[in-house]
């Protein structure tokens, strides 16, 4: 979750990076308890490792992590496969430094107006909860940039929030309104962000020169989120653990998931 659309400027992200560091709330949901952010993190890791496992030929796999944060996903890839060479890009210098410390890779501070890499240099590009902070007129361009730096046969893995899933877990905004009225909203740096309406991502990928080859989501988790959030305040850790264990990812999810994962290939390969 990085690049600044209003109010989420790069300085906002630097403040958030300094305040939260390696805390998952810095790059996932600020208001979620650890168990729920861990569930999302584990699902994200499973998706990126699945795509990595399909890249069987290269002796070295170059992974570009766009909006890398402190490196939670690139670190998981490095741990899973010693072939991985990780490159991170982030608007916040503190996140870039943490990425290098965590992964041993190289990180670049950049506002994502363009990617500072040559064409066809990466086997896998990750862009996870980053496009949501990019101004609307630059989203398709950034997807095109991610596809440009992919080698033939490479993949872009995009994970972004769904407006429909957000409406589902907030009970169509009622819970958010109540939290605001009761003073339960977390007072921290506000970084904004856009939740995508279906099929907005599909159009952006097409405009950027790509094709979605697989999608997945966590629909059951999203449906049960209001209950999970309520029980989290009761310290019902064992019950929450059992519920989360019964919430597998849903392949083909299109709308009602708090996050949706898109595996994308380029259609302009030469």
Protein backbone atom coordinates (compact mmCIF):
# COMPACT_ATOMS: atom_id res chain seq x y z
CA UNK A 1 0.00 0.00 0.00
CA UNK A 2 2.02 2.83 -1.14
CA UNK A 3 1.89 5.48 -3.79
CA UNK A 4 0.02 8.65 -3.00
CA UNK A 5 -3.34 9.63 -4.32
CA UNK A 6 -4.91 12.21 -2.03
CA UNK A 7 -4.69 12.04 0.91
CA UNK A 8 -2.10 9.22 0.67
CA UNK A 9 1.00 11.16 -0.39
CA UNK A 10 4.49 9.70 -0.21
CA UNK A 11 5.12 11.75 2.95
CA UNK A 12 2.02 10.13 4.52
CA UNK A 13 3.50 6.72 3.74
CA UNK A 14 6.84 7.71 5.21
CA UNK A 15 5.08 8.72 8.43
CA UNK A 16 3.21 5.42 8.46
CA UNK A 17 6.41 3.47 7.78
CA UNK A 18 8.18 5.20 10.68
CA UNK A 19 5.24 4.66 13.01
CA UNK A 20 4.54 0.99 12.22
CA UNK A 21 7.75 -0.38 10.69
CA UNK A 22 7.42 -4.15 10.30
CA UNK A 23 3.93 -4.23 11.82
CA UNK A 24 1.55 -5.77 9.23
CA UNK A 25 -0.94 -2.98 9.96
CA UNK A 26 1.44 -0.69 8.11
CA UNK A 27 0.74 -2.45 4.81
CA UNK A 28 -2.55 -4.26 5.41
CA UNK A 29 -5.60 -3.15 7.45
CA UNK A 30 -4.83 -0.67 10.23
CA UNK A 31 -7.96 -1.63 12.16
CA UNK A 32 -7.70 -5.43 11.87
CA UNK A 33 -6.48 -7.51 14.83
CA UNK A 34 -3.30 -9.55 14.18
CA UNK A 35 -5.09 -12.85 13.45
CA UNK A 36 -7.12 -11.37 10.60
CA UNK A 37 -4.18 -9.57 8.99
CA UNK A 38 -2.19 -12.80 9.37
CA UNK A 39 -4.90 -14.68 7.49
CA UNK A 40 -4.68 -12.21 4.58
CA UNK A 41 -0.89 -12.27 4.66
CA UNK A 42 -0.79 -16.07 4.53
CA UNK A 43 -3.20 -16.10 1.58
CA UNK A 44 -1.10 -13.50 -0.26
CA UNK A 45 2.03 -15.57 0.37
CA UNK A 46 0.33 -18.74 -0.87
CA UNK A 47 -0.62 -17.01 -4.12
CA UNK A 48 2.84 -15.59 -4.84
CA UNK A 49 4.51 -18.90 -3.98
CA UNK A 50 2.11 -20.73 -6.29
CA UNK A 51 3.09 -18.51 -9.22
CA UNK A 52 6.78 -18.76 -8.32
CA UNK A 53 6.57 -22.58 -8.35
CA UNK A 54 5.40 -22.43 -11.97
CA UNK A 55 8.59 -20.60 -13.02
CA UNK A 56 10.67 -23.77 -13.24
CA UNK A 57 13.21 -22.93 -15.95
CA UNK A 58 15.28 -19.90 -14.85
CA UNK A 59 18.40 -20.58 -12.78
CA UNK A 60 17.76 -17.20 -11.16
CA UNK A 61 14.32 -15.66 -10.72
CA UNK A 62 14.12 -11.87 -10.66
CA UNK A 63 11.13 -10.64 -8.68
CA UNK A 64 10.08 -6.99 -8.74
CA UNK A 65 7.99 -5.99 -5.71
CA UNK A 66 6.14 -2.78 -6.62
CA UNK A 67 5.04 -0.95 -3.47
CA UNK A 68 7.18 -3.37 -1.49
CA UNK A 69 6.66 -2.07 2.04
CA UNK A 70 8.98 -3.79 4.50
CA UNK A 71 9.30 -6.83 2.25
CA UNK A 72 6.84 -9.31 3.75
CA UNK A 73 6.11 -11.01 0.40
CA UNK A 74 9.58 -10.90 -1.13
CA UNK A 75 11.00 -12.36 2.08
CA UNK A 76 8.54 -15.26 1.86
CA UNK A 77 9.67 -15.90 -1.72
CA UNK A 78 13.35 -15.79 -0.76
CA UNK A 79 12.66 -18.30 1.99
CA UNK A 80 10.78 -20.58 -0.41
CA UNK A 81 13.26 -20.50 -3.30
CA UNK A 82 16.97 -19.58 -3.16
CA UNK A 83 16.83 -18.64 -6.88
CA UNK A 84 14.91 -15.46 -6.05
CA UNK A 85 16.61 -12.11 -6.51
CA UNK A 86 14.29 -9.46 -5.05
CA UNK A 87 14.03 -5.84 -6.16
CA UNK A 88 11.74 -3.51 -4.23
CA UNK A 89 10.22 -0.16 -5.15
CA UNK A 90 8.50 2.05 -2.62
CA UNK A 91 7.69 5.72 -2.18
CA UNK A 92 8.72 5.67 1.52
CA UNK A 93 12.48 5.63 2.22
CA UNK A 94 11.93 3.85 5.54
CA UNK A 95 10.06 1.01 3.84
CA UNK A 96 12.81 0.77 1.20
CA UNK A 97 15.44 0.46 3.93
CA UNK A 98 13.42 -2.16 5.81
CA UNK A 99 12.94 -4.12 2.56
CA UNK A 100 16.69 -4.31 2.07
CA UNK A 101 17.25 -5.33 5.69
CA UNK A 102 14.54 -8.03 5.53
CA UNK A 103 15.24 -9.55 2.12
CA UNK A 104 18.86 -8.81 1.34
CA UNK A 105 17.61 -7.43 -1.98
CA UNK A 106 17.86 -4.01 -3.57
CA UNK A 107 15.22 -1.33 -3.00
CA UNK A 108 14.60 1.88 -4.93
CA UNK A 109 12.68 4.92 -3.70
CA UNK A 110 10.35 5.86 -6.54
CA UNK A 111 6.89 7.44 -6.96
CA UNK A 112 5.82 4.91 -9.63
CA UNK A 113 5.36 7.40 -12.43
CA UNK A 114 7.51 4.91 -14.31
CA UNK A 115 9.50 1.80 -13.40
CA UNK A 116 13.29 2.34 -13.47
CA UNK A 117 14.07 -1.03 -15.08
CA UNK A 118 14.83 -2.15 -18.60
CA UNK A 119 12.19 -4.05 -20.56
CA UNK A 120 11.99 -7.84 -20.22
CA UNK A 121 14.16 -8.09 -17.09
CA UNK A 122 11.78 -9.65 -14.51
CA UNK A 123 10.28 -13.11 -14.20
CA UNK A 124 7.61 -12.07 -11.70
CA UNK A 125 6.18 -8.68 -10.74
CA UNK A 126 4.20 -8.28 -7.51
CA UNK A 127 1.86 -5.34 -7.03
CA UNK A 128 -0.13 -5.93 -3.86
CA UNK A 129 -2.51 -3.26 -2.50
CA UNK A 130 -0.53 -0.63 -4.38
CA UNK A 131 -2.61 0.22 -7.45
CA UNK A 132 -5.36 1.41 -5.10
CA UNK A 133 -3.19 4.42 -4.20
CA UNK A 134 -2.27 5.38 -7.76
CA UNK A 135 -4.24 8.25 -9.37
CA UNK A 136 -6.93 6.97 -11.73
CA UNK A 137 -5.31 8.30 -14.90
CA UNK A 138 -2.06 6.42 -14.15
CA UNK A 139 -3.40 2.99 -13.20
CA UNK A 140 -3.50 1.40 -16.66
CA UNK A 141 -0.12 2.99 -17.45
CA UNK A 142 1.43 1.43 -14.35
CA UNK A 143 0.01 -1.99 -15.23
CA UNK A 144 1.54 -1.52 -18.69
CA UNK A 145 4.88 -0.67 -17.08
CA UNK A 146 4.74 -3.83 -14.98
CA UNK A 147 4.05 -5.89 -18.09
CA UNK A 148 6.81 -4.11 -20.00
CA UNK A 149 9.50 -5.24 -17.55
CA UNK A 150 8.31 -8.87 -17.64
CA UNK A 151 10.27 -11.45 -19.60
CA UNK A 152 8.29 -13.54 -22.11
CA UNK A 153 6.27 -16.04 -20.10
CA UNK A 154 6.56 -13.93 -16.93
CA UNK A 155 3.64 -13.04 -14.70
CA UNK A 156 2.23 -10.02 -12.91
CA UNK A 157 0.45 -10.81 -9.65
CA UNK A 158 -1.95 -8.06 -8.67
CA UNK A 159 -3.93 -8.06 -5.39
CA UNK A 160 -6.34 -5.20 -4.76
CA UNK A 161 -9.42 -4.45 -2.65
CA UNK A 162 -12.92 -4.92 -4.04
CA UNK A 163 -15.58 -2.28 -3.43
CA UNK A 164 -18.19 -5.05 -3.33
CA UNK A 165 -16.23 -7.04 -0.76
CA UNK A 166 -15.73 -3.90 1.29
CA UNK A 167 -19.45 -3.23 1.26
CA UNK A 168 -20.04 -6.81 2.35
CA UNK A 169 -17.76 -6.78 5.38
CA UNK A 170 -18.88 -3.31 6.53
CA UNK A 171 -22.55 -4.33 6.08
CA UNK A 172 -22.87 -1.70 3.34
CA UNK A 173 -21.14 0.98 5.37
CA UNK A 174 -23.21 0.60 8.55
CA UNK A 175 -20.31 -0.71 10.67
CA UNK A 176 -17.98 2.05 9.44
CA UNK A 177 -20.60 4.68 10.28
CA UNK A 178 -21.15 3.23 13.75
CA UNK A 179 -17.42 3.04 14.45
CA UNK A 180 -17.08 6.69 13.51
CA UNK A 181 -20.03 7.75 15.65
CA UNK A 182 -18.73 5.80 18.65
CA UNK A 183 -15.18 7.07 18.27
CA UNK A 184 -13.78 3.62 17.49
CA UNK A 185 -11.94 4.58 14.30
CA UNK A 186 -8.18 4.36 14.66
CA UNK A 187 -6.49 7.77 14.77
CA UNK A 188 -3.43 7.31 12.54
CA UNK A 189 -2.02 8.55 9.28
CA UNK A 190 -4.76 8.48 6.65
CA UNK A 191 -3.40 7.15 3.38
CA UNK A 192 -6.66 7.00 1.44
CA UNK A 193 -7.03 4.35 -1.23
CA UNK A 194 -9.50 3.17 -3.85
CA UNK A 195 -11.61 0.00 -3.71
CA UNK A 196 -12.21 -1.29 -7.23
CA UNK A 197 -15.69 -1.87 -8.64
CA UNK A 198 -16.11 -5.01 -10.74
CA UNK A 199 -15.01 -5.21 -13.58
CA UNK A 200 -12.78 -2.13 -13.23
CA UNK A 201 -9.57 -4.15 -12.88
CA UNK A 202 -10.44 -6.16 -16.00
CA UNK A 203 -10.63 -2.97 -18.05
CA UNK A 204 -7.40 -1.58 -16.61
CA UNK A 205 -5.53 -4.81 -17.36
CA UNK A 206 -6.84 -4.82 -20.94
CA UNK A 207 -5.91 -1.16 -21.39
CA UNK A 208 -2.45 -1.88 -20.00
CA UNK A 209 -1.86 -4.67 -22.51
CA UNK A 210 -2.50 -7.69 -20.32
CA UNK A 211 -4.82 -10.63 -19.88
CA UNK A 212 -6.11 -12.10 -16.61
CA UNK A 213 -5.41 -15.84 -16.58
CA UNK A 214 -6.51 -16.64 -13.03
CA UNK A 215 -8.25 -14.90 -10.16
CA UNK A 216 -9.00 -15.85 -6.60
CA UNK A 217 -10.48 -14.33 -3.47
CA UNK A 218 -11.45 -15.02 0.12
CA UNK A 219 -15.21 -14.80 -0.14
CA UNK A 220 -16.11 -16.85 2.94
CA UNK A 221 -13.65 -14.85 5.05
CA UNK A 222 -15.20 -11.61 3.75
CA UNK A 223 -18.75 -12.77 4.53
CA UNK A 224 -17.74 -13.69 8.08
CA UNK A 225 -15.64 -10.59 8.74
CA UNK A 226 -18.26 -8.67 10.77
CA UNK A 227 -18.55 -11.64 13.12
CA UNK A 228 -14.77 -12.13 13.25
CA UNK A 229 -14.22 -8.48 14.11
CA UNK A 230 -16.86 -8.65 16.83
CA UNK A 231 -15.38 -11.79 18.40
CA UNK A 232 -11.87 -10.33 18.18
CA UNK A 233 -12.90 -7.73 20.74
CA UNK A 234 -13.92 -10.61 23.05
CA UNK A 235 -10.49 -12.29 22.89
CA UNK A 236 -12.05 -15.44 21.47
CA UNK A 237 -8.81 -16.54 19.81
CA UNK A 238 -9.58 -20.26 19.68
CA UNK A 239 -12.99 -19.71 18.08
CA UNK A 240 -11.54 -17.25 15.56
CA UNK A 241 -8.81 -19.72 14.67
CA UNK A 242 -11.38 -22.44 13.92
CA UNK A 243 -13.41 -20.07 11.74
CA UNK A 244 -10.35 -18.91 9.79
CA UNK A 245 -9.31 -22.52 9.20
CA UNK A 246 -12.68 -23.06 7.51
CA UNK A 247 -12.18 -20.12 5.10
CA UNK A 248 -10.21 -21.38 2.09
CA UNK A 249 -9.53 -19.17 -0.91
CA UNK A 250 -12.07 -19.25 -3.74
CA UNK A 251 -10.67 -19.64 -7.24
CA UNK A 252 -12.55 -17.54 -9.80
CA UNK A 253 -13.86 -14.99 -7.28
CA UNK A 254 -14.98 -11.86 -9.11
CA UNK A 255 -16.70 -9.50 -6.68
CA UNK A 256 -17.44 -10.33 -3.08
CA UNK A 257 -14.01 -10.63 -1.55
CA UNK A 258 -12.24 -8.02 0.55
CA UNK A 259 -9.16 -8.56 -1.65
CA UNK A 260 -9.06 -10.16 -5.09
CA UNK A 261 -5.91 -11.69 -6.59
CA UNK A 262 -5.29 -11.47 -10.35
CA UNK A 263 -2.62 -13.42 -12.20
CA UNK A 264 -1.85 -11.53 -15.41
CA UNK A 265 0.21 -12.22 -18.52
CA UNK A 266 1.20 -9.75 -21.20
CA UNK A 267 -0.53 -9.83 -24.59
CA UNK A 268 2.05 -7.74 -26.41
CA UNK A 269 4.95 -10.14 -26.15
CA UNK A 270 7.35 -10.19 -29.07
